[in-house]
């Protein structure tokens, strides 16, 4: 199903967050403490977990299904996904685990 401006109902950026952190059915990004509101003539929303490039490509919607970060108490050490992708060597994906790397579930 297509939404506004030909976008699919689950944008790639949201699908990436769900793949990395899981989905939280019944909760929306609007309920997440990591959703940031920006004001530039109108309100824009950004996800602290995904990152902010001050471009439309990192705009977020409050109605989207929340990812697993909504239940984390502190994401201050988390590197935003856009920063991970920007510095990723060609051919590597964000979701490849580095040997010895801790899982998100292992973080208190």
C-alpha atoms as a PDB file:
ATOM      1  CA  UNK A   1       0.000   0.000   0.000  1.00  0.00           C
ATOM      2  CA  UNK A   2       1.325   3.422  -0.926  1.00  0.00           C
ATOM      3  CA  UNK A   3       1.079   6.488   1.300  1.00  0.00           C
ATOM      4  CA  UNK A   4       1.957  10.137   0.867  1.00  0.00           C
ATOM      5  CA  UNK A   5       4.264  10.998  -2.043  1.00  0.00           C
ATOM      6  CA  UNK A   6       4.435   7.371  -3.202  1.00  0.00           C
ATOM      7  CA  UNK A   7       6.147   6.167  -0.018  1.00  0.00           C
ATOM      8  CA  UNK A   8       5.332   2.673   1.198  1.00  0.00           C
ATOM      9  CA  UNK A   9       3.547   2.378   4.542  1.00  0.00           C
ATOM     10  CA  UNK A  10       6.810   1.310   6.227  1.00  0.00           C
ATOM     11  CA  UNK A  11       9.618   3.633   5.140  1.00  0.00           C
ATOM     12  CA  UNK A  12      13.090   2.083   4.802  1.00  0.00           C
ATOM     13  CA  UNK A  13      14.422   4.097   7.746  1.00  0.00           C
ATOM     14  CA  UNK A  14      11.669   2.762  10.021  1.00  0.00           C
ATOM     15  CA  UNK A  15      12.152  -0.791   8.721  1.00  0.00           C
ATOM     16  CA  UNK A  16      15.876  -0.468   9.530  1.00  0.00           C
ATOM     17  CA  UNK A  17      15.059   0.591  13.098  1.00  0.00           C
ATOM     18  CA  UNK A  18      12.638  -2.336  13.470  1.00  0.00           C
ATOM     19  CA  UNK A  19      15.245  -4.750  12.112  1.00  0.00           C
ATOM     20  CA  UNK A  20      17.919  -3.446  14.477  1.00  0.00           C
ATOM     21  CA  UNK A  21      15.847  -3.003  17.650  1.00  0.00           C
ATOM     22  CA  UNK A  22      12.607  -4.935  17.100  1.00  0.00           C
ATOM     23  CA  UNK A  23       9.013  -3.688  16.964  1.00  0.00           C
ATOM     24  CA  UNK A  24       6.820  -2.635  19.862  1.00  0.00           C
ATOM     25  CA  UNK A  25       3.271  -3.383  18.634  1.00  0.00           C
ATOM     26  CA  UNK A  26       0.647  -1.170  20.209  1.00  0.00           C
ATOM     27  CA  UNK A  27       3.119   1.666  20.833  1.00  0.00           C
ATOM     28  CA  UNK A  28       3.888   4.562  18.496  1.00  0.00           C
ATOM     29  CA  UNK A  29       6.926   6.750  17.977  1.00  0.00           C
ATOM     30  CA  UNK A  30       4.840   9.621  19.377  1.00  0.00           C
ATOM     31  CA  UNK A  31       5.000   7.911  22.787  1.00  0.00           C
ATOM     32  CA  UNK A  32       8.782   7.463  22.640  1.00  0.00           C
ATOM     33  CA  UNK A  33      10.970   9.609  24.918  1.00  0.00           C
ATOM     34  CA  UNK A  34      13.593   9.710  22.131  1.00  0.00           C
ATOM     35  CA  UNK A  35      11.333  11.461  19.603  1.00  0.00           C
ATOM     36  CA  UNK A  36      12.597  15.029  19.242  1.00  0.00           C
ATOM     37  CA  UNK A  37      10.364  17.944  18.221  1.00  0.00           C
ATOM     38  CA  UNK A  38      11.991  20.656  16.069  1.00  0.00           C
ATOM     39  CA  UNK A  39      10.362  23.981  15.155  1.00  0.00           C
ATOM     40  CA  UNK A  40      11.202  25.729  11.863  1.00  0.00           C
ATOM     41  CA  UNK A  41       7.982  27.466  10.875  1.00  0.00           C
ATOM     42  CA  UNK A  42       6.173  24.217  11.662  1.00  0.00           C
ATOM     43  CA  UNK A  43       6.832  21.161  13.793  1.00  0.00           C
ATOM     44  CA  UNK A  44       9.196  18.450  12.555  1.00  0.00           C
ATOM     45  CA  UNK A  45       9.965  15.248  14.423  1.00  0.00           C
ATOM     46  CA  UNK A  46      13.294  13.404  14.526  1.00  0.00           C
ATOM     47  CA  UNK A  47      14.245  10.079  16.099  1.00  0.00           C
ATOM     48  CA  UNK A  48      17.290  10.321  18.383  1.00  0.00           C
ATOM     49  CA  UNK A  49      18.060   6.656  17.674  1.00  0.00           C
ATOM     50  CA  UNK A  50      17.987   7.107  13.904  1.00  0.00           C
ATOM     51  CA  UNK A  51      19.713  10.487  13.931  1.00  0.00           C
ATOM     52  CA  UNK A  52      19.182  13.974  12.572  1.00  0.00           C
ATOM     53  CA  UNK A  53      20.743  15.399   9.421  1.00  0.00           C
ATOM     54  CA  UNK A  54      18.476  18.480   9.397  1.00  0.00           C
ATOM     55  CA  UNK A  55      17.014  17.143   6.153  1.00  0.00           C
ATOM     56  CA  UNK A  56      13.645  15.686   5.237  1.00  0.00           C
ATOM     57  CA  UNK A  57      15.324  12.279   4.960  1.00  0.00           C
ATOM     58  CA  UNK A  58      15.460  12.044   8.769  1.00  0.00           C
ATOM     59  CA  UNK A  59      11.950  13.400   9.443  1.00  0.00           C
ATOM     60  CA  UNK A  60       9.919  11.035  11.604  1.00  0.00           C
ATOM     61  CA  UNK A  61       6.176  10.435  12.089  1.00  0.00           C
ATOM     62  CA  UNK A  62       4.524  10.152  15.496  1.00  0.00           C
ATOM     63  CA  UNK A  63       2.028   7.567  14.161  1.00  0.00           C
ATOM     64  CA  UNK A  64       4.672   4.990  13.168  1.00  0.00           C
ATOM     65  CA  UNK A  65       4.972   1.731  15.107  1.00  0.00           C
ATOM     66  CA  UNK A  66       7.659   2.178  17.766  1.00  0.00           C
ATOM     67  CA  UNK A  67      10.900   0.213  17.771  1.00  0.00           C
ATOM     68  CA  UNK A  68      12.516  -1.466  20.769  1.00  0.00           C
ATOM     69  CA  UNK A  69      14.385   1.690  21.791  1.00  0.00           C
ATOM     70  CA  UNK A  70      11.157   2.955  23.373  1.00  0.00           C
ATOM     71  CA  UNK A  71      11.717   0.603  26.300  1.00  0.00           C
ATOM     72  CA  UNK A  72      15.410   1.485  26.826  1.00  0.00           C
ATOM     73  CA  UNK A  73      16.109   3.777  29.768  1.00  0.00           C
ATOM     74  CA  UNK A  74      19.244   5.375  28.318  1.00  0.00           C
ATOM     75  CA  UNK A  75      20.492   5.538  24.740  1.00  0.00           C
ATOM     76  CA  UNK A  76      23.173   8.158  25.364  1.00  0.00           C
ATOM     77  CA  UNK A  77      25.939   5.771  24.252  1.00  0.00           C
ATOM     78  CA  UNK A  78      24.072   4.700  21.115  1.00  0.00           C
ATOM     79  CA  UNK A  79      25.571   5.861  17.811  1.00  0.00           C
ATOM     80  CA  UNK A  80      22.662   7.113  15.658  1.00  0.00           C
ATOM     81  CA  UNK A  81      21.928   4.854  12.691  1.00  0.00           C
ATOM     82  CA  UNK A  82      22.573   7.599  10.094  1.00  0.00           C
ATOM     83  CA  UNK A  83      26.097   8.009  11.495  1.00  0.00           C
ATOM     84  CA  UNK A  84      26.697   4.252  11.318  1.00  0.00           C
ATOM     85  CA  UNK A  85      25.555   4.135   7.693  1.00  0.00           C
ATOM     86  CA  UNK A  86      27.554   7.244   6.685  1.00  0.00           C
ATOM     87  CA  UNK A  87      30.836   5.770   7.959  1.00  0.00           C
ATOM     88  CA  UNK A  88      30.167   2.193   6.869  1.00  0.00           C
ATOM     89  CA  UNK A  89      32.722   0.642   4.495  1.00  0.00           C
ATOM     90  CA  UNK A  90      31.291  -0.351   1.107  1.00  0.00           C
ATOM     91  CA  UNK A  91      29.699  -3.781   1.113  1.00  0.00           C
ATOM     92  CA  UNK A  92      29.102  -3.841   4.877  1.00  0.00           C
ATOM     93  CA  UNK A  93      25.688  -3.563   6.481  1.00  0.00           C
ATOM     94  CA  UNK A  94      24.692  -1.876   9.718  1.00  0.00           C
ATOM     95  CA  UNK A  95      23.387  -5.141  11.120  1.00  0.00           C
ATOM     96  CA  UNK A  96      26.573  -7.207  10.937  1.00  0.00           C
ATOM     97  CA  UNK A  97      27.762  -7.833  14.469  1.00  0.00           C
ATOM     98  CA  UNK A  98      31.402  -7.172  15.270  1.00  0.00           C
ATOM     99  CA  UNK A  99      33.054 -10.173  16.961  1.00  0.00           C
ATOM    100  CA  UNK A 100      32.835  -9.713  20.737  1.00  0.00           C
ATOM    101  CA  UNK A 101      30.251  -6.923  20.408  1.00  0.00           C
ATOM    102  CA  UNK A 102      27.563  -6.840  23.108  1.00  0.00           C
ATOM    103  CA  UNK A 103      23.911  -7.337  22.145  1.00  0.00           C
ATOM    104  CA  UNK A 104      21.445  -4.506  22.977  1.00  0.00           C
ATOM    105  CA  UNK A 105      19.747  -6.882  25.424  1.00  0.00           C
ATOM    106  CA  UNK A 106      23.026  -7.042  27.374  1.00  0.00           C
ATOM    107  CA  UNK A 107      22.995  -3.310  28.113  1.00  0.00           C
ATOM    108  CA  UNK A 108      21.407  -2.507  31.510  1.00  0.00           C
END
